[in-house]
N, C-alpha and C. Protein backbone atom coordinates (compact mmCIF):
# COMPACT_ATOMS: atom_id res chain seq x y z
N UNK A 1 31.23 4.77 8.37
CA UNK A 1 30.70 5.54 9.41
C UNK A 1 29.80 6.41 8.59
N UNK A 2 28.56 6.79 9.10
CA UNK A 2 27.68 7.71 8.42
C UNK A 2 27.93 8.92 9.15
N UNK A 3 28.25 10.08 8.41
CA UNK A 3 28.58 11.38 9.07
C UNK A 3 27.43 12.26 8.80
N UNK A 4 27.23 13.23 9.36
CA UNK A 4 26.12 14.10 9.33
C UNK A 4 26.46 15.58 9.15
N UNK A 5 26.08 16.19 8.09
CA UNK A 5 26.35 17.49 7.67
C UNK A 5 25.24 18.31 7.52
N UNK A 6 25.37 19.67 7.79
CA UNK A 6 24.44 20.71 7.51
C UNK A 6 25.19 21.58 6.35
N UNK A 7 24.36 21.93 5.41
CA UNK A 7 24.93 22.65 4.27
C UNK A 7 23.89 23.79 4.28
N UNK A 8 24.63 24.98 4.36
CA UNK A 8 23.71 26.26 4.43
C UNK A 8 24.36 27.09 2.94
N UNK A 9 23.73 27.22 2.15
CA UNK A 9 23.91 27.74 0.90
C UNK A 9 22.73 28.47 0.10
N UNK A 10 22.82 29.53 -0.11
CA UNK A 10 21.79 30.28 -0.80
C UNK A 10 21.46 29.76 -2.36
N UNK A 11 22.44 28.93 -2.97
CA UNK A 11 22.39 28.68 -4.29
C UNK A 11 21.88 27.15 -4.49
N UNK A 12 20.61 27.03 -4.97
CA UNK A 12 19.99 25.71 -5.17
C UNK A 12 20.80 24.65 -5.79
N UNK A 13 21.51 25.01 -6.97
CA UNK A 13 22.37 24.18 -7.71
C UNK A 13 23.58 23.54 -6.76
N UNK A 14 24.20 24.50 -5.91
CA UNK A 14 24.90 24.11 -5.28
C UNK A 14 24.47 23.11 -4.00
N UNK A 15 23.39 23.62 -3.46
CA UNK A 15 22.87 22.41 -2.52
C UNK A 15 22.39 21.19 -3.25
N UNK A 16 22.16 21.14 -4.54
CA UNK A 16 21.61 19.71 -4.91
C UNK A 16 22.82 18.97 -5.13
N UNK A 17 23.93 19.62 -5.91
CA UNK A 17 25.14 18.96 -6.07
C UNK A 17 25.74 18.45 -5.14
N UNK A 18 25.94 19.31 -4.04
CA UNK A 18 26.72 18.83 -2.78
C UNK A 18 26.06 17.79 -1.89
N UNK A 19 24.79 17.96 -1.80
CA UNK A 19 24.01 16.67 -1.13
C UNK A 19 24.06 15.60 -1.98
N UNK A 20 23.83 15.71 -3.12
CA UNK A 20 23.77 14.19 -3.99
C UNK A 20 25.34 13.70 -4.07
N UNK A 21 26.30 14.42 -4.01
CA UNK A 21 27.77 14.05 -3.90
C UNK A 21 28.24 13.55 -2.74
N UNK A 22 27.57 14.11 -1.64
CA UNK A 22 28.26 13.40 -0.40
C UNK A 22 27.46 12.39 0.10
N UNK A 23 26.09 12.33 -0.40
CA UNK A 23 25.40 11.24 0.00
C UNK A 23 25.57 10.08 -0.86
N UNK A 24 26.20 10.21 -2.19
CA UNK A 24 26.36 9.09 -2.97
C UNK A 24 27.90 8.86 -2.76
N UNK A 25 28.81 9.48 -2.76
CA UNK A 25 30.11 9.03 -2.78
C UNK A 25 30.60 8.74 -1.26
N UNK A 26 30.40 9.30 -0.26
CA UNK A 26 30.42 9.21 1.03
C UNK A 26 29.45 8.61 1.76
N UNK A 27 28.31 8.47 1.79
CA UNK A 27 27.21 7.71 2.24
C UNK A 27 26.87 8.72 3.47
N UNK A 28 27.13 9.90 3.52
CA UNK A 28 26.73 10.65 4.48
C UNK A 28 25.26 11.18 4.24
N UNK A 29 24.67 11.63 5.59
CA UNK A 29 23.40 12.25 5.85
C UNK A 29 23.67 13.69 5.77
N UNK A 30 22.82 14.52 4.60
CA UNK A 30 23.12 15.78 4.36
C UNK A 30 21.87 16.56 4.62
N UNK A 31 21.89 17.62 5.16
CA UNK A 31 20.68 18.17 5.44
C UNK A 31 21.02 19.77 4.95
N UNK A 32 19.89 20.17 4.21
CA UNK A 32 20.35 21.47 3.52
C UNK A 32 19.34 22.73 3.98
N UNK A 33 20.07 23.69 3.79
CA UNK A 33 19.27 25.22 4.37
C UNK A 33 19.56 26.32 3.20
N UNK A 34 18.59 26.91 3.05
CA UNK A 34 18.72 27.83 1.68
C UNK A 34 19.28 29.12 2.36
N UNK A 35 19.18 29.62 3.58
CA UNK A 35 19.59 30.88 4.26
C UNK A 35 20.19 30.66 5.81
N UNK A 36 20.62 31.79 6.19
CA UNK A 36 21.08 31.53 7.62
C UNK A 36 20.14 31.24 8.69
N UNK A 37 18.86 31.96 8.61
CA UNK A 37 17.74 31.60 9.38
C UNK A 37 17.22 30.02 9.31
N UNK A 38 17.19 29.75 7.98
CA UNK A 38 16.74 28.35 8.03
C UNK A 38 17.68 27.39 8.43
N UNK A 39 19.29 27.60 8.49
CA UNK A 39 20.13 26.79 9.03
C UNK A 39 20.18 26.84 10.53
N UNK A 40 19.75 27.91 11.13
CA UNK A 40 19.72 28.03 12.42
C UNK A 40 18.37 27.20 13.09
N UNK A 41 17.39 27.35 12.21
CA UNK A 41 16.30 26.51 12.52
C UNK A 41 16.52 24.97 12.44
N UNK A 42 17.25 24.52 11.45
CA UNK A 42 17.83 23.07 11.56
C UNK A 42 18.68 22.58 12.38
N UNK A 43 19.43 23.79 13.03
CA UNK A 43 20.29 23.34 14.34
C UNK A 43 19.47 22.97 15.48
N UNK A 44 18.21 23.39 15.36
CA UNK A 44 17.47 23.22 16.65
C UNK A 44 16.82 21.60 16.68
N UNK A 45 16.82 21.07 15.51
CA UNK A 45 16.48 19.63 15.34
C UNK A 45 17.51 18.60 15.05
N UNK A 46 18.67 19.25 14.44
CA UNK A 46 19.58 18.36 13.81
C UNK A 46 20.90 18.61 14.83
N UNK A 47 21.61 17.56 14.93
CA UNK A 47 23.16 17.63 15.58
C UNK A 47 24.04 17.23 14.54
N UNK A 48 24.46 18.14 13.60
CA UNK A 48 25.36 17.94 12.62
C UNK A 48 26.81 17.84 13.13
N UNK A 49 27.45 17.05 12.53
CA UNK A 49 29.33 16.76 13.07
C UNK A 49 29.92 17.85 12.33
N UNK A 50 29.27 18.49 11.27
CA UNK A 50 30.04 19.75 10.70
C UNK A 50 28.95 20.60 9.83
N UNK A 51 29.36 21.83 9.69
CA UNK A 51 28.48 22.53 8.90
C UNK A 51 29.39 23.30 7.85
N UNK A 52 28.88 23.02 6.72
CA UNK A 52 29.66 23.68 5.31
C UNK A 52 28.86 25.00 5.18
N UNK A 53 29.22 25.98 5.09
CA UNK A 53 28.87 27.34 5.16
C UNK A 53 29.28 28.42 4.08
N UNK A 54 28.24 28.90 3.26
CA UNK A 54 28.58 29.67 2.40
C UNK A 54 28.95 30.97 2.75
N UNK A 55 29.84 31.73 2.11
CA UNK A 55 30.27 33.02 2.77
C UNK A 55 29.26 34.17 2.44
N UNK A 56 28.76 34.27 0.97
CA UNK A 56 28.27 35.31 0.37
C UNK A 56 26.86 34.91 0.18
N UNK A 57 25.80 35.10 1.28
CA UNK A 57 24.47 34.99 1.30
C UNK A 57 23.65 36.22 1.67
N UNK A 58 22.45 36.52 0.87
CA UNK A 58 21.52 37.35 1.37
C UNK A 58 21.08 37.45 2.71
N UNK A 59 20.47 38.38 3.34
CA UNK A 59 19.86 38.21 4.67
C UNK A 59 21.16 38.51 5.85
N UNK A 60 21.57 37.25 5.64
CA UNK A 60 22.96 37.23 6.74
C UNK A 60 23.89 36.47 6.19
N UNK A 61 25.24 36.91 6.07
CA UNK A 61 26.26 36.39 5.37
C UNK A 61 27.15 35.26 6.16
N UNK A 62 27.63 34.33 5.79
CA UNK A 62 28.31 33.37 6.49
C UNK A 62 29.23 33.63 7.57
N UNK A 63 30.13 34.74 7.43
CA UNK A 63 30.77 35.14 8.42
C UNK A 63 30.09 35.63 9.96
N UNK A 64 28.88 36.51 9.65
CA UNK A 64 28.14 36.79 10.72
C UNK A 64 27.41 35.62 11.37
N UNK A 65 26.94 34.85 10.37
CA UNK A 65 26.29 33.56 10.92
C UNK A 65 27.21 32.68 11.94
N UNK A 66 28.46 32.54 11.20
CA UNK A 66 29.49 31.76 12.04
C UNK A 66 29.68 32.33 13.54
N UNK A 67 29.76 33.72 13.53
CA UNK A 67 30.04 34.24 14.84
C UNK A 67 28.67 34.13 15.71
N UNK A 68 27.50 34.07 15.01
CA UNK A 68 26.31 33.83 15.75
C UNK A 68 26.31 32.40 16.21
N UNK A 69 26.83 31.32 15.59
CA UNK A 69 27.05 29.72 15.91
C UNK A 69 28.16 29.79 17.07
N UNK A 70 29.16 30.61 17.01
CA UNK A 70 30.22 30.67 18.10
C UNK A 70 29.54 31.24 19.39
N UNK A 71 28.78 32.01 19.35
CA UNK A 71 28.11 32.62 20.66
C UNK A 71 27.20 31.57 21.49
N UNK A 72 26.92 30.49 20.69
CA UNK A 72 25.87 29.68 21.49
C UNK A 72 26.55 28.43 21.95
N UNK A 73 26.41 27.97 23.03
CA UNK A 73 27.07 26.77 23.68
C UNK A 73 26.78 25.47 22.95
N UNK A 74 25.43 25.61 22.37
CA UNK A 74 25.05 24.24 21.87
C UNK A 74 25.69 24.02 20.09
N UNK A 75 26.14 25.13 19.57
CA UNK A 75 26.65 25.05 18.47
C UNK A 75 27.83 25.57 18.28
N UNK A 76 28.57 26.06 19.51
CA UNK A 76 29.85 26.72 19.16
C UNK A 76 30.94 25.34 18.79
N UNK A 77 30.85 24.33 19.12
CA UNK A 77 31.89 23.21 18.91
C UNK A 77 31.62 22.57 17.79
N UNK A 78 30.75 22.75 16.77
CA UNK A 78 30.51 22.11 15.65
C UNK A 78 31.38 22.99 14.68
N UNK A 79 32.33 21.94 14.04
CA UNK A 79 33.16 22.50 13.05
C UNK A 79 32.36 23.20 11.92
N UNK A 80 33.14 24.19 11.26
CA UNK A 80 32.65 25.00 10.33
C UNK A 80 33.41 24.97 9.00
N UNK A 81 33.21 24.56 7.73
CA UNK A 81 33.91 24.60 6.73
C UNK A 81 33.14 25.98 5.82
N UNK A 82 34.04 26.84 5.38
CA UNK A 82 33.40 27.82 4.51
C UNK A 82 33.68 27.46 3.18
N UNK A 83 32.68 27.75 2.34
CA UNK A 83 32.42 27.64 0.87
C UNK A 83 32.32 29.07 0.32
N UNK A 84 33.27 29.38 -0.73
CA UNK A 84 33.40 30.55 -1.24
C UNK A 84 33.87 30.60 -2.42
N UNK A 85 33.43 31.54 -3.32
CA UNK A 85 33.97 31.73 -4.62
C UNK A 85 34.84 32.84 -4.70
N UNK A 86 35.03 33.52 -3.41
CA UNK A 86 36.09 34.64 -3.18
C UNK A 86 37.63 33.92 -3.23
N UNK A 87 38.16 33.83 -4.10
CA UNK A 87 39.33 33.04 -4.37
C UNK A 87 40.82 33.69 -3.93
N UNK A 88 40.78 34.99 -3.33
CA UNK A 88 41.85 35.74 -2.89
C UNK A 88 42.36 35.23 -1.81
N UNK A 89 43.78 35.05 -1.80
CA UNK A 89 44.53 34.48 -0.57
C UNK A 89 44.19 34.95 0.54
N UNK A 90 44.32 36.36 0.69
CA UNK A 90 43.95 37.17 1.84
C UNK A 90 42.79 36.80 2.43
N UNK A 91 41.49 36.52 1.62
CA UNK A 91 40.14 36.21 2.32
C UNK A 91 40.23 34.84 2.73
N UNK A 92 40.83 34.04 1.74
CA UNK A 92 40.90 32.39 2.31
C UNK A 92 41.96 32.35 3.60
N UNK A 93 42.73 33.02 3.91
CA UNK A 93 43.62 33.07 5.18
C UNK A 93 42.74 33.51 6.15
N UNK A 94 42.00 34.55 6.10
CA UNK A 94 41.00 35.13 7.16
C UNK A 94 40.11 34.10 7.39
N UNK A 95 39.38 33.52 6.63
CA UNK A 95 38.52 32.34 6.68
C UNK A 95 39.02 31.27 7.63
N UNK A 96 40.00 30.74 7.01
CA UNK A 96 40.81 29.60 7.71
C UNK A 96 41.09 29.94 9.05
N UNK A 97 41.36 31.10 9.48
CA UNK A 97 41.63 31.45 11.08
C UNK A 97 40.29 31.50 11.76
N UNK A 98 38.98 31.58 11.03
CA UNK A 98 37.77 31.49 11.83
C UNK A 98 37.11 29.99 12.08
N UNK A 99 37.36 29.49 10.77
CA UNK A 99 36.64 28.05 10.74
C UNK A 99 37.54 26.97 10.45
N UNK A 100 37.20 25.57 10.36
CA UNK A 100 37.91 24.58 10.12
C UNK A 100 38.58 24.53 8.68
N UNK A 101 38.11 25.27 7.85
CA UNK A 101 38.96 25.33 6.67
C UNK A 101 37.92 26.03 5.53
N UNK A 102 38.50 26.17 4.39
CA UNK A 102 37.79 26.59 3.29
C UNK A 102 37.88 25.86 2.10
N UNK A 103 36.60 25.60 1.40
CA UNK A 103 36.63 24.93 0.21
C UNK A 103 36.12 26.21 -0.84
N UNK A 104 36.73 26.12 -1.97
CA UNK A 104 36.73 27.09 -3.15
C UNK A 104 35.53 26.46 -3.85
N UNK A 105 34.74 27.56 -4.48
CA UNK A 105 33.80 27.35 -5.66
C UNK A 105 34.51 27.69 -6.92
N UNK A 106 34.54 27.06 -7.85
CA UNK A 106 33.71 25.86 -8.12
C UNK A 106 34.63 24.49 -7.49
N UNK A 107 33.94 23.76 -7.03
CA UNK A 107 34.46 22.51 -6.41
C UNK A 107 34.56 21.27 -7.41
N UNK A 108 35.10 20.24 -7.21
CA UNK A 108 35.01 19.01 -7.88
C UNK A 108 33.98 17.94 -7.17
N UNK A 109 32.90 17.93 -7.56
CA UNK A 109 31.87 17.04 -6.96
C UNK A 109 32.27 15.63 -6.35
N UNK A 110 33.29 14.94 -7.03
CA UNK A 110 33.62 13.57 -6.62
C UNK A 110 34.90 13.63 -5.65
N UNK A 111 35.42 14.87 -5.67
CA UNK A 111 36.55 15.19 -4.62
C UNK A 111 36.09 15.59 -3.16
N UNK A 112 34.99 16.42 -3.28
CA UNK A 112 34.71 17.23 -2.14
C UNK A 112 34.64 16.34 -0.60
N UNK A 113 34.19 15.18 -0.70
CA UNK A 113 34.36 14.24 0.30
C UNK A 113 35.45 14.17 1.05
N UNK A 114 36.43 13.94 0.26
CA UNK A 114 37.78 13.59 0.67
C UNK A 114 38.31 15.16 1.08
N UNK A 115 38.00 16.14 0.67
CA UNK A 115 38.41 17.43 0.97
C UNK A 115 37.91 17.74 2.55
N UNK A 116 36.72 17.40 2.68
CA UNK A 116 36.07 17.78 3.88
C UNK A 116 36.69 16.64 5.01
N UNK A 117 37.03 15.39 4.55
CA UNK A 117 37.65 14.56 5.53
C UNK A 117 38.96 15.13 5.88
N UNK A 118 39.71 15.59 4.90
CA UNK A 118 40.98 16.01 5.40
C UNK A 118 40.94 17.28 6.17
N UNK A 119 40.04 18.22 5.96
CA UNK A 119 39.90 19.35 6.92
C UNK A 119 39.55 19.00 8.17
N UNK A 120 38.75 18.09 8.35
CA UNK A 120 38.20 17.80 9.63
C UNK A 120 38.87 16.78 10.39
N UNK A 121 39.73 16.04 9.77
CA UNK A 121 40.69 15.11 10.23
C UNK A 121 39.77 13.90 10.59
N UNK A 122 38.76 13.59 9.44
CA UNK A 122 38.20 12.51 9.65
C UNK A 122 38.73 11.34 8.97
N UNK A 123 38.55 9.94 9.62
CA UNK A 123 39.33 8.96 9.14
C UNK A 123 38.44 7.84 8.59
N UNK A 124 37.15 8.27 8.58
CA UNK A 124 36.09 7.17 8.08
C UNK A 124 36.54 6.80 6.53
């Protein structure tokens, strides 16, 4: 089954690696955005099944963007997985209460599709 993911991350290397990894290892369609406003613009034309959202970004951080998405009827039911280099347990727990889960950076490109499947209970 082809899954559809929106990746919002300000780091170009992360976007390139994640997109290539998920498309190659899982066969998923991955749309990328380099900032929150670009991500919101993508959501006007894309209907992703999940959003991978970087926590630390300029302009608008991932948590603020998450709250914006939750306030909109058309995006509030899209599961969000946070991507973060902030490895402290307290922050990870706080993020998990907001979204579908947390994936820590650095991540293993060949294992990330399975991490996402597990967090979202996808059985494909």
